[in-house]
Amino acid sequence: MLIKDLAQTQEEYLKNFKEETMNLIVYLAGQIHDDWREQLKAQAEKRNLPLTFVGPQTDHDRSDQIGEAIIGKQPGDYYRDEAASAINNFRTELLIQKADVVIGLFGEKYRQWNTAMDVTRAISLNKPTIIIRPESLIHPLKELSNKANVTVETIEQALDVLAYVYE
């Protein structure tokens, strides 16, 4: 009975270690036009990975209007964009700094300027960084991939890397 209790205690200890001590904050950089973040979160939950996800504002209208919502009406589109950019950059900087890991997803469909900016910032802060990109973007992202810790092609592979941390 004592051995069984010890084994249960060890299992409980490892579970608590993963859930409390090793709960990682993961910043999800990438385009906001589809549900890749929700897919990644659902798969992480299925694997029982102790991860907390943060990322950019995914409500495009909210992101575009945040400057005027906080600062007030701007005299034109340029100033409206500047005000929104300042606040969005503040939010992004804070969340990337608090993150333990950054995952940047590069897809083929949308321009990836913000993803590249977020991933580059994470790398400059020495944040462990995983890039997800399709085979077709190997060449255009070669320098960025070289600076990231890991480059993979699928969400599943990125989660495999994080799951390996808990082994």
Foldseek 3Di string as FASTA:
>chain_A
DVVVVVVVVVVVVLLCCQQPVVQFEEEEAEALPDCPVVVLVVVCVVVVGNYHYDYFPSPVVCLQQVQCVPVNDDPDSVVSNVSSVVVRVVVLVVSLVRGQEYEQEDEDPDDRVRSVVSLVVSLVVVRQYEYAYAPVCCVVCVVSCVSHPYYYHDSVVVVVVSVVVSD
